[in-house]
Amino acid sequence: MSDIFEEVDEEVRKDKYTRVWQKYGNWFVSCAVAVLISAVGYVQWQNYNFEQRAQSSTEFNAALRLIDSKKPEEATRALAGLAERGTKGYTILAKFRAAGLKVQAGDSAAASDIYDAIAEDDEINTLYRDLARLYAIMQKIDDGDTSELSTELRELLSEDNPWRFSAREMAAVLALRERDTKTAKEYFKLLTDDPKTPAGLRQRASDMLQAIDG
């Protein structure tokens, strides 16, 4: 490896990886509790009448109020009901939000199960299935099998995938877990060099490059 890590012994190198991951690992995992509604974006309502959509909207907003009121158990039940009987768009939103509640509660396994179920549902638009797949990977990023997670990320890294920027970040983190700084730096560099990378993500990538080389 043609970087500074050639100049340090294995113990120092191992300690450096550990410190970088301890400092920044939660940073990436916390992405999974971001506002899911804005990430999901536009949902297809056209096949449902106004009355059905209005009812689903009312139920969804009621669930959000329960979340704001710090009543996660009641919110979870409300979201489960909406996921079962709501219109298609709100059903997807309810599932994503329910998974987000599991993340906030520290139940990564349950959140991952919900995200995996969304990702495997052929009736859901690929855009949202890929988003769910990305969130599922985030839940496993700290201790999941890196080889399996890298395989799951592969399709999300394509140039035409709308979630490719977050996927690159996850790929870099997986490389760090394997102590492969060369690959990690390549992914972080892709993020810093791509003008389409969201500003916050580009800043994180820049910070990580400095942390690795610092």
N, C-alpha and C. Protein backbone atom coordinates (compact mmCIF):
# COMPACT_ATOMS: atom_id res chain seq x y z
N MET A 1 0.86 -1.19 0.00
CA MET A 1 0.00 0.00 0.00
C MET A 1 0.89 1.23 0.00
N SER A 2 0.66 2.11 -0.96
CA SER A 2 1.57 3.24 -1.15
C SER A 2 1.15 4.46 -0.36
N ASP A 3 0.81 4.30 0.89
CA ASP A 3 0.46 5.47 1.69
C ASP A 3 1.23 5.41 3.00
N ILE A 4 0.85 6.26 3.92
CA ILE A 4 1.63 6.41 5.14
C ILE A 4 1.61 5.15 5.99
N PHE A 5 0.63 4.27 5.75
CA PHE A 5 0.53 3.08 6.60
C PHE A 5 1.65 2.08 6.34
N GLU A 6 2.39 2.25 5.25
CA GLU A 6 3.57 1.41 5.03
C GLU A 6 4.63 1.71 6.07
N GLU A 7 4.57 2.89 6.65
CA GLU A 7 5.64 3.35 7.53
C GLU A 7 5.37 3.08 9.00
N VAL A 8 4.28 2.45 9.30
CA VAL A 8 3.99 2.15 10.70
C VAL A 8 3.82 0.67 10.87
N ASP A 9 4.08 0.19 12.07
CA ASP A 9 3.96 -1.25 12.29
C ASP A 9 2.50 -1.64 12.46
N GLU A 10 2.22 -2.94 12.51
CA GLU A 10 0.85 -3.45 12.50
C GLU A 10 0.06 -2.99 13.71
N GLU A 11 0.67 -2.92 14.86
CA GLU A 11 -0.07 -2.52 16.06
C GLU A 11 -0.53 -1.07 15.99
N VAL A 12 0.36 -0.20 15.53
CA VAL A 12 0.00 1.20 15.39
C VAL A 12 -1.09 1.35 14.34
N ARG A 13 -0.97 0.61 13.25
CA ARG A 13 -1.97 0.66 12.19
C ARG A 13 -3.33 0.20 12.71
N LYS A 14 -3.33 -0.88 13.43
CA LYS A 14 -4.58 -1.41 13.98
C LYS A 14 -5.22 -0.40 14.92
N ASP A 15 -4.40 0.25 15.74
CA ASP A 15 -4.93 1.23 16.68
C ASP A 15 -5.53 2.41 15.93
N LYS A 16 -4.93 2.79 14.83
CA LYS A 16 -5.42 3.94 14.06
C LYS A 16 -6.79 3.64 13.47
N TYR A 17 -6.94 2.43 12.91
CA TYR A 17 -8.24 2.05 12.38
C TYR A 17 -9.30 2.07 13.46
N THR A 18 -8.92 1.55 14.61
CA THR A 18 -9.87 1.49 15.72
C THR A 18 -10.32 2.88 16.13
N ARG A 19 -9.37 3.80 16.23
CA ARG A 19 -9.72 5.17 16.64
C ARG A 19 -10.59 5.86 15.60
N VAL A 20 -10.28 5.67 14.31
CA VAL A 20 -11.08 6.28 13.26
C VAL A 20 -12.50 5.75 13.30
N TRP A 21 -12.64 4.43 13.45
CA TRP A 21 -13.99 3.85 13.46
C TRP A 21 -14.77 4.26 14.70
N GLN A 22 -14.10 4.27 15.85
CA GLN A 22 -14.79 4.67 17.08
C GLN A 22 -15.26 6.11 17.01
N LYS A 23 -14.47 6.95 16.34
CA LYS A 23 -14.81 8.38 16.26
C LYS A 23 -15.92 8.65 15.27
N TYR A 24 -15.92 7.90 14.15
CA TYR A 24 -16.84 8.24 13.07
C TYR A 24 -17.88 7.18 12.76
N GLY A 25 -17.76 5.98 13.34
CA GLY A 25 -18.69 4.91 13.00
C GLY A 25 -20.14 5.26 13.23
N ASN A 26 -20.45 5.81 14.41
CA ASN A 26 -21.85 6.15 14.71
C ASN A 26 -22.38 7.24 13.80
N TRP A 27 -21.47 8.03 13.27
CA TRP A 27 -21.83 9.10 12.34
C TRP A 27 -22.60 8.54 11.15
N PHE A 28 -22.08 7.43 10.62
CA PHE A 28 -22.70 6.83 9.45
C PHE A 28 -23.98 6.08 9.82
N VAL A 29 -23.92 5.34 10.91
CA VAL A 29 -25.09 4.57 11.32
C VAL A 29 -26.26 5.49 11.61
N SER A 30 -25.98 6.68 12.13
CA SER A 30 -27.05 7.61 12.47
C SER A 30 -27.81 8.11 11.25
N CYS A 31 -27.26 7.93 10.07
CA CYS A 31 -27.96 8.34 8.86
C CYS A 31 -29.31 7.63 8.74
N ALA A 32 -29.41 6.45 9.34
CA ALA A 32 -30.63 5.66 9.20
C ALA A 32 -31.82 6.28 9.91
N VAL A 33 -31.59 7.23 10.82
CA VAL A 33 -32.71 7.86 11.52
C VAL A 33 -33.02 9.24 10.96
N ALA A 34 -32.52 9.50 9.74
CA ALA A 34 -32.84 10.77 9.09
C ALA A 34 -34.32 10.82 8.77
N VAL A 35 -34.79 12.01 8.40
CA VAL A 35 -36.21 12.17 8.08
C VAL A 35 -36.54 11.34 6.85
N LEU A 36 -37.34 10.29 7.04
CA LEU A 36 -37.60 9.35 5.97
C LEU A 36 -38.58 9.88 4.95
N ILE A 37 -39.45 10.76 5.36
CA ILE A 37 -40.47 11.24 4.43
C ILE A 37 -39.82 11.95 3.25
N SER A 38 -38.88 12.84 3.53
CA SER A 38 -38.24 13.58 2.45
C SER A 38 -37.40 12.67 1.59
N ALA A 39 -36.82 11.62 2.17
CA ALA A 39 -36.00 10.70 1.39
C ALA A 39 -36.87 9.88 0.44
N VAL A 40 -38.03 9.47 0.90
CA VAL A 40 -38.90 8.68 0.05
C VAL A 40 -39.44 9.52 -1.09
N GLY A 41 -39.75 10.80 -0.79
CA GLY A 41 -40.17 11.70 -1.84
C GLY A 41 -41.54 11.38 -2.41
N TYR A 42 -41.66 11.57 -3.70
CA TYR A 42 -42.95 11.44 -4.38
C TYR A 42 -43.43 9.99 -4.37
N VAL A 43 -44.66 9.77 -4.04
CA VAL A 43 -45.28 8.44 -4.12
C VAL A 43 -46.45 8.50 -5.08
N GLN A 44 -46.76 7.37 -5.69
CA GLN A 44 -47.77 7.36 -6.73
C GLN A 44 -49.16 7.19 -6.12
N TRP A 45 -49.95 8.26 -6.25
CA TRP A 45 -51.29 8.25 -5.67
C TRP A 45 -52.37 7.96 -6.72
N GLN A 46 -52.07 8.03 -7.97
CA GLN A 46 -53.08 8.14 -9.01
C GLN A 46 -54.14 7.04 -9.02
N ASN A 47 -53.82 5.85 -8.53
CA ASN A 47 -54.75 4.74 -8.62
C ASN A 47 -55.77 4.70 -7.47
N TYR A 48 -55.75 5.71 -6.62
CA TYR A 48 -56.62 5.69 -5.46
C TYR A 48 -57.47 6.96 -5.42
N ASN A 49 -58.68 6.81 -4.96
CA ASN A 49 -59.55 7.99 -4.94
C ASN A 49 -59.21 8.91 -3.79
N PHE A 50 -59.72 10.10 -3.88
CA PHE A 50 -59.38 11.15 -2.92
C PHE A 50 -59.75 10.74 -1.49
N GLU A 51 -60.90 10.10 -1.32
CA GLU A 51 -61.35 9.74 0.03
C GLU A 51 -60.39 8.76 0.70
N GLN A 52 -59.93 7.78 -0.06
CA GLN A 52 -58.99 6.80 0.50
C GLN A 52 -57.67 7.48 0.87
N ARG A 53 -57.21 8.35 0.00
CA ARG A 53 -55.96 9.04 0.28
C ARG A 53 -56.09 9.97 1.48
N ALA A 54 -57.20 10.63 1.57
CA ALA A 54 -57.42 11.54 2.70
C ALA A 54 -57.42 10.77 4.02
N GLN A 55 -58.04 9.59 4.03
CA GLN A 55 -58.07 8.78 5.25
C GLN A 55 -56.66 8.32 5.62
N SER A 56 -55.91 7.86 4.64
CA SER A 56 -54.54 7.43 4.91
C SER A 56 -53.68 8.59 5.40
N SER A 57 -53.88 9.75 4.80
CA SER A 57 -53.13 10.94 5.21
C SER A 57 -53.44 11.28 6.67
N THR A 58 -54.71 11.21 7.03
CA THR A 58 -55.12 11.51 8.41
C THR A 58 -54.46 10.53 9.38
N GLU A 59 -54.47 9.25 9.03
CA GLU A 59 -53.87 8.24 9.90
C GLU A 59 -52.36 8.42 10.02
N PHE A 60 -51.73 8.76 8.91
CA PHE A 60 -50.29 8.94 8.94
C PHE A 60 -49.91 10.14 9.80
N ASN A 61 -50.61 11.23 9.63
CA ASN A 61 -50.33 12.43 10.42
C ASN A 61 -50.59 12.18 11.91
N ALA A 62 -51.60 11.37 12.20
CA ALA A 62 -51.87 11.03 13.60
C ALA A 62 -50.71 10.23 14.18
N ALA A 63 -50.15 9.32 13.39
CA ALA A 63 -49.00 8.55 13.85
C ALA A 63 -47.80 9.45 14.10
N LEU A 64 -47.60 10.43 13.21
CA LEU A 64 -46.49 11.37 13.39
C LEU A 64 -46.66 12.18 14.67
N ARG A 65 -47.90 12.55 14.97
CA ARG A 65 -48.15 13.31 16.21
C ARG A 65 -47.83 12.46 17.43
N LEU A 66 -48.12 11.17 17.34
CA LEU A 66 -47.79 10.27 18.45
C LEU A 66 -46.27 10.17 18.62
N ILE A 67 -45.56 10.16 17.51
CA ILE A 67 -44.10 10.14 17.58
C ILE A 67 -43.58 11.41 18.23
N ASP A 68 -44.13 12.55 17.79
CA ASP A 68 -43.72 13.85 18.37
C ASP A 68 -44.05 13.93 19.86
N SER A 69 -45.08 13.21 20.26
CA SER A 69 -45.51 13.22 21.66
C SER A 69 -44.77 12.18 22.50
N LYS A 70 -43.76 11.56 21.89
CA LYS A 70 -42.95 10.55 22.59
C LYS A 70 -43.79 9.35 23.03
N LYS A 71 -44.62 8.89 22.13
CA LYS A 71 -45.44 7.70 22.38
C LYS A 71 -45.14 6.66 21.30
N PRO A 72 -43.93 6.10 21.33
CA PRO A 72 -43.50 5.20 20.25
C PRO A 72 -44.33 3.93 20.12
N GLU A 73 -44.80 3.37 21.23
CA GLU A 73 -45.58 2.13 21.14
C GLU A 73 -46.91 2.38 20.44
N GLU A 74 -47.58 3.48 20.81
CA GLU A 74 -48.85 3.81 20.16
C GLU A 74 -48.61 4.16 18.69
N ALA A 75 -47.52 4.86 18.42
CA ALA A 75 -47.20 5.22 17.04
C ALA A 75 -46.93 3.97 16.21
N THR A 76 -46.24 3.02 16.80
CA THR A 76 -45.93 1.78 16.09
C THR A 76 -47.21 1.03 15.73
N ARG A 77 -48.17 0.99 16.65
CA ARG A 77 -49.44 0.31 16.35
C ARG A 77 -50.19 1.05 15.25
N ALA A 78 -50.17 2.37 15.30
CA ALA A 78 -50.86 3.15 14.28
C ALA A 78 -50.23 2.95 12.91
N LEU A 79 -48.91 2.92 12.87
CA LEU A 79 -48.21 2.72 11.61
C LEU A 79 -48.43 1.31 11.06
N ALA A 80 -48.50 0.34 11.96
CA ALA A 80 -48.74 -1.04 11.54
C ALA A 80 -50.12 -1.15 10.88
N GLY A 81 -51.10 -0.48 11.46
CA GLY A 81 -52.44 -0.50 10.89
C GLY A 81 -52.47 0.16 9.53
N LEU A 82 -51.77 1.28 9.40
CA LEU A 82 -51.72 1.99 8.13
C LEU A 82 -50.98 1.18 7.07
N ALA A 83 -49.92 0.50 7.50
CA ALA A 83 -49.16 -0.34 6.56
C ALA A 83 -50.01 -1.48 6.02
N GLU A 84 -50.99 -1.90 6.81
CA GLU A 84 -51.83 -3.03 6.41
C GLU A 84 -53.00 -2.61 5.52
N ARG A 85 -53.59 -1.44 5.80
CA ARG A 85 -54.82 -1.09 5.10
C ARG A 85 -54.76 0.25 4.35
N GLY A 86 -53.65 0.95 4.41
CA GLY A 86 -53.57 2.26 3.78
C GLY A 86 -53.41 2.19 2.27
N THR A 87 -53.50 3.33 1.62
CA THR A 87 -53.22 3.40 0.20
C THR A 87 -51.73 3.14 -0.02
N LYS A 88 -51.38 2.79 -1.25
CA LYS A 88 -50.03 2.28 -1.51
C LYS A 88 -48.92 3.23 -1.06
N GLY A 89 -49.06 4.51 -1.40
CA GLY A 89 -48.01 5.45 -1.03
C GLY A 89 -47.83 5.56 0.46
N TYR A 90 -48.94 5.67 1.18
CA TYR A 90 -48.85 5.80 2.64
C TYR A 90 -48.44 4.49 3.29
N THR A 91 -48.74 3.37 2.66
CA THR A 91 -48.28 2.09 3.18
C THR A 91 -46.75 2.05 3.21
N ILE A 92 -46.15 2.54 2.12
CA ILE A 92 -44.68 2.57 2.05
C ILE A 92 -44.12 3.51 3.11
N LEU A 93 -44.71 4.71 3.21
CA LEU A 93 -44.24 5.67 4.21
C LEU A 93 -44.36 5.10 5.62
N ALA A 94 -45.47 4.43 5.89
CA ALA A 94 -45.68 3.87 7.22
C ALA A 94 -44.61 2.83 7.56
N LYS A 95 -44.26 2.01 6.59
CA LYS A 95 -43.24 0.98 6.84
C LYS A 95 -41.87 1.61 7.09
N PHE A 96 -41.53 2.61 6.30
CA PHE A 96 -40.25 3.29 6.52
C PHE A 96 -40.22 3.97 7.89
N ARG A 97 -41.32 4.61 8.24
CA ARG A 97 -41.34 5.33 9.52
C ARG A 97 -41.32 4.37 10.69
N ALA A 98 -41.98 3.22 10.53
CA ALA A 98 -41.96 2.20 11.60
C ALA A 98 -40.55 1.67 11.79
N ALA A 99 -39.85 1.47 10.69
CA ALA A 99 -38.45 1.02 10.80
C ALA A 99 -37.60 2.08 11.48
N GLY A 100 -37.87 3.36 11.16
CA GLY A 100 -37.13 4.44 11.81
C GLY A 100 -37.33 4.45 13.31
N LEU A 101 -38.54 4.12 13.75
CA LEU A 101 -38.80 4.05 15.20
C LEU A 101 -37.98 2.94 15.84
N LYS A 102 -37.85 1.82 15.14
CA LYS A 102 -37.03 0.72 15.66
C LYS A 102 -35.57 1.14 15.78
N VAL A 103 -35.12 1.90 14.80
CA VAL A 103 -33.74 2.40 14.85
C VAL A 103 -33.55 3.29 16.07
N GLN A 104 -34.49 4.21 16.28
CA GLN A 104 -34.39 5.14 17.41
C GLN A 104 -34.45 4.39 18.74
N ALA A 105 -35.13 3.27 18.76
CA ALA A 105 -35.23 2.47 19.98
C ALA A 105 -34.01 1.57 20.17
N GLY A 106 -33.11 1.58 19.22
CA GLY A 106 -31.91 0.76 19.33
C GLY A 106 -32.09 -0.67 18.89
N ASP A 107 -33.22 -0.96 18.24
CA ASP A 107 -33.50 -2.33 17.79
C ASP A 107 -33.15 -2.43 16.30
N SER A 108 -31.87 -2.51 16.02
CA SER A 108 -31.40 -2.53 14.64
C SER A 108 -31.88 -3.77 13.89
N ALA A 109 -31.97 -4.90 14.61
CA ALA A 109 -32.38 -6.14 13.96
C ALA A 109 -33.81 -6.03 13.45
N ALA A 110 -34.70 -5.49 14.27
CA ALA A 110 -36.10 -5.34 13.86
C ALA A 110 -36.22 -4.34 12.71
N ALA A 111 -35.45 -3.25 12.79
CA ALA A 111 -35.47 -2.26 11.71
C ALA A 111 -34.98 -2.88 10.41
N SER A 112 -33.92 -3.65 10.51
CA SER A 112 -33.37 -4.30 9.33
C SER A 112 -34.38 -5.26 8.70
N ASP A 113 -35.13 -5.96 9.53
CA ASP A 113 -36.15 -6.89 9.02
C ASP A 113 -37.21 -6.14 8.21
N ILE A 114 -37.61 -4.97 8.70
CA ILE A 114 -38.62 -4.17 7.99
C ILE A 114 -38.05 -3.66 6.67
N TYR A 115 -36.84 -3.14 6.73
CA TYR A 115 -36.22 -2.65 5.50
C TYR A 115 -36.02 -3.77 4.49
N ASP A 116 -35.60 -4.93 4.96
CA ASP A 116 -35.41 -6.07 4.06
C ASP A 116 -36.72 -6.47 3.39
N ALA A 117 -37.80 -6.45 4.16
CA ALA A 117 -39.11 -6.81 3.61
C ALA A 117 -39.53 -5.83 2.52
N ILE A 118 -39.26 -4.55 2.74
CA ILE A 118 -39.58 -3.55 1.71
C ILE A 118 -38.74 -3.80 0.46
N ALA A 119 -37.46 -4.05 0.66
CA ALA A 119 -36.54 -4.25 -0.45
C ALA A 119 -36.90 -5.48 -1.29
N GLU A 120 -37.52 -6.45 -0.67
CA GLU A 120 -37.86 -7.70 -1.37
C GLU A 120 -39.26 -7.70 -1.95
N ASP A 121 -40.00 -6.62 -1.78
CA ASP A 121 -41.38 -6.55 -2.26
C ASP A 121 -41.40 -6.08 -3.72
N ASP A 122 -41.68 -6.98 -4.63
CA ASP A 122 -41.66 -6.67 -6.05
C ASP A 122 -42.73 -5.67 -6.47
N GLU A 123 -43.73 -5.47 -5.63
CA GLU A 123 -44.80 -4.55 -5.98
C GLU A 123 -44.46 -3.10 -5.66
N ILE A 124 -43.34 -2.90 -4.99
CA ILE A 124 -42.91 -1.55 -4.62
C ILE A 124 -41.93 -1.02 -5.67
N ASN A 125 -42.04 0.25 -5.97
CA ASN A 125 -41.15 0.89 -6.93
C ASN A 125 -39.69 0.66 -6.56
N THR A 126 -38.87 0.40 -7.58
CA THR A 126 -37.45 0.11 -7.35
C THR A 126 -36.75 1.21 -6.57
N LEU A 127 -37.15 2.45 -6.80
CA LEU A 127 -36.54 3.58 -6.08
C LEU A 127 -36.61 3.37 -4.57
N TYR A 128 -37.78 2.96 -4.08
CA TYR A 128 -37.98 2.80 -2.64
C TYR A 128 -37.41 1.49 -2.14
N ARG A 129 -37.41 0.49 -3.01
CA ARG A 129 -36.80 -0.79 -2.63
C ARG A 129 -35.29 -0.61 -2.43
N ASP A 130 -34.67 0.15 -3.32
CA ASP A 130 -33.23 0.41 -3.18
C ASP A 130 -32.93 1.23 -1.93
N LEU A 131 -33.80 2.19 -1.63
CA LEU A 131 -33.62 2.98 -0.42
C LEU A 131 -33.71 2.08 0.81
N ALA A 132 -34.67 1.18 0.81
CA ALA A 132 -34.81 0.25 1.93
C ALA A 132 -33.58 -0.65 2.04
N ARG A 133 -33.08 -1.08 0.91
CA ARG A 133 -31.88 -1.92 0.92
C ARG A 133 -30.70 -1.15 1.53
N LEU A 134 -30.58 0.12 1.17
CA LEU A 134 -29.51 0.95 1.72
C LEU A 134 -29.64 1.09 3.23
N TYR A 135 -30.86 1.35 3.71
CA TYR A 135 -31.08 1.49 5.14
C TYR A 135 -30.83 0.17 5.88
N ALA A 136 -31.17 -0.94 5.24
CA ALA A 136 -30.91 -2.24 5.87
C ALA A 136 -29.42 -2.45 6.05
N ILE A 137 -28.65 -2.06 5.04
CA ILE A 137 -27.19 -2.18 5.12
C ILE A 137 -26.65 -1.30 6.23
N MET A 138 -27.21 -0.11 6.38
CA MET A 138 -26.78 0.79 7.45
C MET A 138 -26.94 0.14 8.82
N GLN A 139 -28.02 -0.62 8.98
CA GLN A 139 -28.26 -1.26 10.28
C GLN A 139 -27.23 -2.34 10.58
N LYS A 140 -26.62 -2.89 9.54
CA LYS A 140 -25.67 -3.98 9.71
C LYS A 140 -24.22 -3.53 9.54
N ILE A 141 -24.02 -2.24 9.27
CA ILE A 141 -22.70 -1.75 8.87
C ILE A 141 -21.65 -1.93 9.97
N ASP A 142 -22.09 -1.95 11.23
CA ASP A 142 -21.14 -2.00 12.33
C ASP A 142 -20.61 -3.41 12.59
N ASP A 143 -21.45 -4.43 12.38
CA ASP A 143 -21.00 -5.78 12.72
C ASP A 143 -21.47 -6.86 11.75
N GLY A 144 -22.09 -6.47 10.63
CA GLY A 144 -22.52 -7.45 9.65
C GLY A 144 -21.35 -7.99 8.85
N ASP A 145 -21.59 -9.07 8.13
CA ASP A 145 -20.55 -9.66 7.28
C ASP A 145 -20.20 -8.69 6.15
N THR A 146 -18.96 -8.25 6.11
CA THR A 146 -18.58 -7.22 5.14
C THR A 146 -18.68 -7.70 3.71
N SER A 147 -18.41 -8.97 3.47
CA SER A 147 -18.49 -9.51 2.12
C SER A 147 -19.93 -9.51 1.63
N GLU A 148 -20.84 -9.95 2.47
CA GLU A 148 -22.25 -9.97 2.10
C GLU A 148 -22.79 -8.56 1.90
N LEU A 149 -22.41 -7.65 2.78
CA LEU A 149 -22.89 -6.28 2.66
C LEU A 149 -22.34 -5.61 1.40
N SER A 150 -21.11 -5.90 1.07
CA SER A 150 -20.52 -5.33 -0.15
C SER A 150 -21.26 -5.83 -1.38
N THR A 151 -21.66 -7.09 -1.37
CA THR A 151 -22.42 -7.65 -2.48
C THR A 151 -23.78 -6.96 -2.60
N GLU A 152 -24.43 -6.73 -1.45
CA GLU A 152 -25.73 -6.07 -1.45
C GLU A 152 -25.62 -4.62 -1.95
N LEU A 153 -24.48 -4.00 -1.71
CA LEU A 153 -24.27 -2.61 -2.12
C LEU A 153 -24.00 -2.45 -3.61
N ARG A 154 -23.59 -3.52 -4.25
CA ARG A 154 -23.05 -3.42 -5.60
C ARG A 154 -23.99 -2.68 -6.57
N GLU A 155 -25.25 -3.10 -6.60
CA GLU A 155 -26.20 -2.47 -7.53
C GLU A 155 -26.46 -1.01 -7.18
N LEU A 156 -26.35 -0.68 -5.91
CA LEU A 156 -26.62 0.69 -5.49
C LEU A 156 -25.50 1.65 -5.88
N LEU A 157 -24.35 1.11 -6.27
CA LEU A 157 -23.20 1.94 -6.61
C LEU A 157 -23.19 2.37 -8.07
N SER A 158 -24.11 1.87 -8.86
CA SER A 158 -24.12 2.20 -10.28
C SER A 158 -24.36 3.70 -10.49
N GLU A 159 -23.86 4.23 -11.58
CA GLU A 159 -23.92 5.66 -11.84
C GLU A 159 -25.34 6.20 -12.00
N ASP A 160 -26.27 5.31 -12.36
CA ASP A 160 -27.64 5.77 -12.56
C ASP A 160 -28.53 5.55 -11.35
N ASN A 161 -27.94 5.06 -10.25
CA ASN A 161 -28.74 4.84 -9.05
C ASN A 161 -28.82 6.12 -8.23
N PRO A 162 -30.02 6.58 -7.88
CA PRO A 162 -30.15 7.84 -7.15
C PRO A 162 -29.57 7.81 -5.75
N TRP A 163 -29.33 6.60 -5.21
CA TRP A 163 -28.77 6.49 -3.86
C TRP A 163 -27.27 6.18 -3.88
N ARG A 164 -26.64 6.37 -5.04
CA ARG A 164 -25.24 5.97 -5.19
C ARG A 164 -24.30 6.71 -4.25
N PHE A 165 -24.62 7.94 -3.89
CA PHE A 165 -23.72 8.71 -3.03
C PHE A 165 -23.66 8.09 -1.62
N SER A 166 -24.81 7.79 -1.06
CA SER A 166 -24.83 7.14 0.25
C SER A 166 -24.23 5.74 0.16
N ALA A 167 -24.46 5.07 -0.97
CA ALA A 167 -23.89 3.74 -1.15
C ALA A 167 -22.36 3.79 -1.17
N ARG A 168 -21.82 4.82 -1.80
CA ARG A 168 -20.36 4.98 -1.81
C ARG A 168 -19.83 5.19 -0.40
N GLU A 169 -20.54 5.96 0.38
CA GLU A 169 -20.14 6.20 1.76
C GLU A 169 -20.12 4.89 2.54
N MET A 170 -21.17 4.09 2.35
CA MET A 170 -21.23 2.80 3.04
C MET A 170 -20.12 1.86 2.57
N ALA A 171 -19.83 1.89 1.27
CA ALA A 171 -18.75 1.05 0.74
C ALA A 171 -17.41 1.45 1.35
N ALA A 172 -17.22 2.74 1.54
CA ALA A 172 -15.97 3.22 2.16
C ALA A 172 -15.88 2.75 3.61
N VAL A 173 -17.00 2.80 4.33
CA VAL A 173 -17.00 2.36 5.72
C VAL A 173 -16.70 0.86 5.81
N LEU A 174 -17.29 0.08 4.91
CA LEU A 174 -17.01 -1.35 4.90
C LEU A 174 -15.53 -1.61 4.63
N ALA A 175 -14.95 -0.83 3.73
CA ALA A 175 -13.52 -0.98 3.45
C ALA A 175 -12.69 -0.65 4.69
N LEU A 176 -13.09 0.38 5.43
CA LEU A 176 -12.40 0.71 6.67
C LEU A 176 -12.47 -0.42 7.68
N ARG A 177 -13.62 -1.05 7.76
CA ARG A 177 -13.77 -2.18 8.68
C ARG A 177 -12.79 -3.29 8.32
N GLU A 178 -12.50 -3.42 7.03
CA GLU A 178 -11.55 -4.44 6.56
C GLU A 178 -10.11 -3.92 6.58
N ARG A 179 -9.94 -2.70 7.09
CA ARG A 179 -8.64 -2.04 7.15
C ARG A 179 -8.03 -1.86 5.76
N ASP A 180 -8.90 -1.66 4.80
CA ASP A 180 -8.47 -1.43 3.42
C ASP A 180 -8.60 0.07 3.14
N THR A 181 -7.60 0.81 3.60
CA THR A 181 -7.67 2.27 3.44
C THR A 181 -7.60 2.70 1.99
N LYS A 182 -6.92 1.93 1.17
CA LYS A 182 -6.80 2.30 -0.25
C LYS A 182 -8.18 2.37 -0.89
N THR A 183 -8.98 1.31 -0.68
CA THR A 183 -10.33 1.29 -1.25
C THR A 183 -11.22 2.34 -0.60
N ALA A 184 -11.11 2.48 0.72
CA ALA A 184 -11.92 3.47 1.44
C ALA A 184 -11.65 4.87 0.89
N LYS A 185 -10.39 5.19 0.71
CA LYS A 185 -10.02 6.51 0.20
C LYS A 185 -10.53 6.72 -1.22
N GLU A 186 -10.54 5.66 -2.02
CA GLU A 186 -11.05 5.77 -3.39
C GLU A 186 -12.53 6.17 -3.38
N TYR A 187 -13.30 5.54 -2.50
CA TYR A 187 -14.73 5.87 -2.43
C TYR A 187 -14.94 7.27 -1.87
N PHE A 188 -14.20 7.62 -0.83
CA PHE A 188 -14.34 8.97 -0.28
C PHE A 188 -13.91 10.02 -1.30
N LYS A 189 -12.89 9.70 -2.09
CA LYS A 189 -12.41 10.63 -3.12
C LYS A 189 -13.48 10.80 -4.21
N LEU A 190 -14.16 9.71 -4.56
CA LEU A 190 -15.25 9.80 -5.53
C LEU A 190 -16.31 10.80 -5.04
N LEU A 191 -16.58 10.74 -3.75
CA LEU A 191 -17.58 11.63 -3.18
C LEU A 191 -17.13 13.09 -3.18
N THR A 192 -15.89 13.31 -2.84
CA THR A 192 -15.41 14.70 -2.79
C THR A 192 -15.25 15.29 -4.19
N ASP A 193 -14.97 14.45 -5.18
CA ASP A 193 -14.71 14.95 -6.53
C ASP A 193 -15.98 15.09 -7.38
N ASP A 194 -17.03 14.38 -7.01
CA ASP A 194 -18.25 14.41 -7.81
C ASP A 194 -19.06 15.66 -7.47
N PRO A 195 -19.27 16.56 -8.43
CA PRO A 195 -20.01 17.80 -8.15
C PRO A 195 -21.47 17.57 -7.76
N LYS A 196 -21.99 16.37 -8.05
CA LYS A 196 -23.37 16.07 -7.72
C LYS A 196 -23.54 15.52 -6.29
N THR A 197 -22.43 15.25 -5.61
CA THR A 197 -22.51 14.76 -4.25
C THR A 197 -23.15 15.81 -3.34
N PRO A 198 -24.14 15.43 -2.54
CA PRO A 198 -24.74 16.39 -1.60
C PRO A 198 -23.69 17.01 -0.70
N ALA A 199 -23.85 18.28 -0.38
CA ALA A 199 -22.82 19.03 0.35
C ALA A 199 -22.43 18.39 1.68
N GLY A 200 -23.41 17.96 2.46
CA GLY A 200 -23.10 17.37 3.75
C GLY A 200 -22.31 16.09 3.62
N LEU A 201 -22.67 15.28 2.64
CA LEU A 201 -21.97 14.02 2.42
C LEU A 201 -20.55 14.28 1.92
N ARG A 202 -20.41 15.28 1.06
CA ARG A 202 -19.06 15.62 0.57
C ARG A 202 -18.17 16.07 1.73
N GLN A 203 -18.73 16.82 2.67
CA GLN A 203 -17.95 17.28 3.82
C GLN A 203 -17.52 16.11 4.69
N ARG A 204 -18.43 15.15 4.90
CA ARG A 204 -18.08 13.97 5.69
C ARG A 204 -16.96 13.19 5.02
N ALA A 205 -17.06 13.04 3.70
CA ALA A 205 -16.02 12.31 2.97
C ALA A 205 -14.67 13.01 3.10
N SER A 206 -14.70 14.34 3.00
CA SER A 206 -13.46 15.12 3.16
C SER A 206 -12.88 14.94 4.56
N ASP A 207 -13.74 14.97 5.56
CA ASP A 207 -13.29 14.80 6.94
C ASP A 207 -12.68 13.41 7.14
N MET A 208 -13.29 12.40 6.51
CA MET A 208 -12.78 11.05 6.66
C MET A 208 -11.42 10.89 5.98
N LEU A 209 -11.26 11.51 4.84
CA LEU A 209 -9.95 11.46 4.18
C LEU A 209 -8.87 12.05 5.07
N GLN A 210 -9.20 13.16 5.71
CA GLN A 210 -8.24 13.79 6.63
C GLN A 210 -7.98 12.91 7.84
N ALA A 211 -9.04 12.26 8.34
CA ALA A 211 -8.87 11.40 9.52
C ALA A 211 -8.00 10.20 9.21
N ILE A 212 -8.15 9.65 8.00
CA ILE A 212 -7.35 8.50 7.62
C ILE A 212 -5.89 8.87 7.45
N ASP A 213 -5.65 10.02 6.85
CA ASP A 213 -4.28 10.44 6.57
C ASP A 213 -3.63 11.19 7.72
N GLY A 214 -4.47 11.63 8.69
CA GLY A 214 -3.95 12.47 9.76
C GLY A 214 -3.19 11.72 10.83
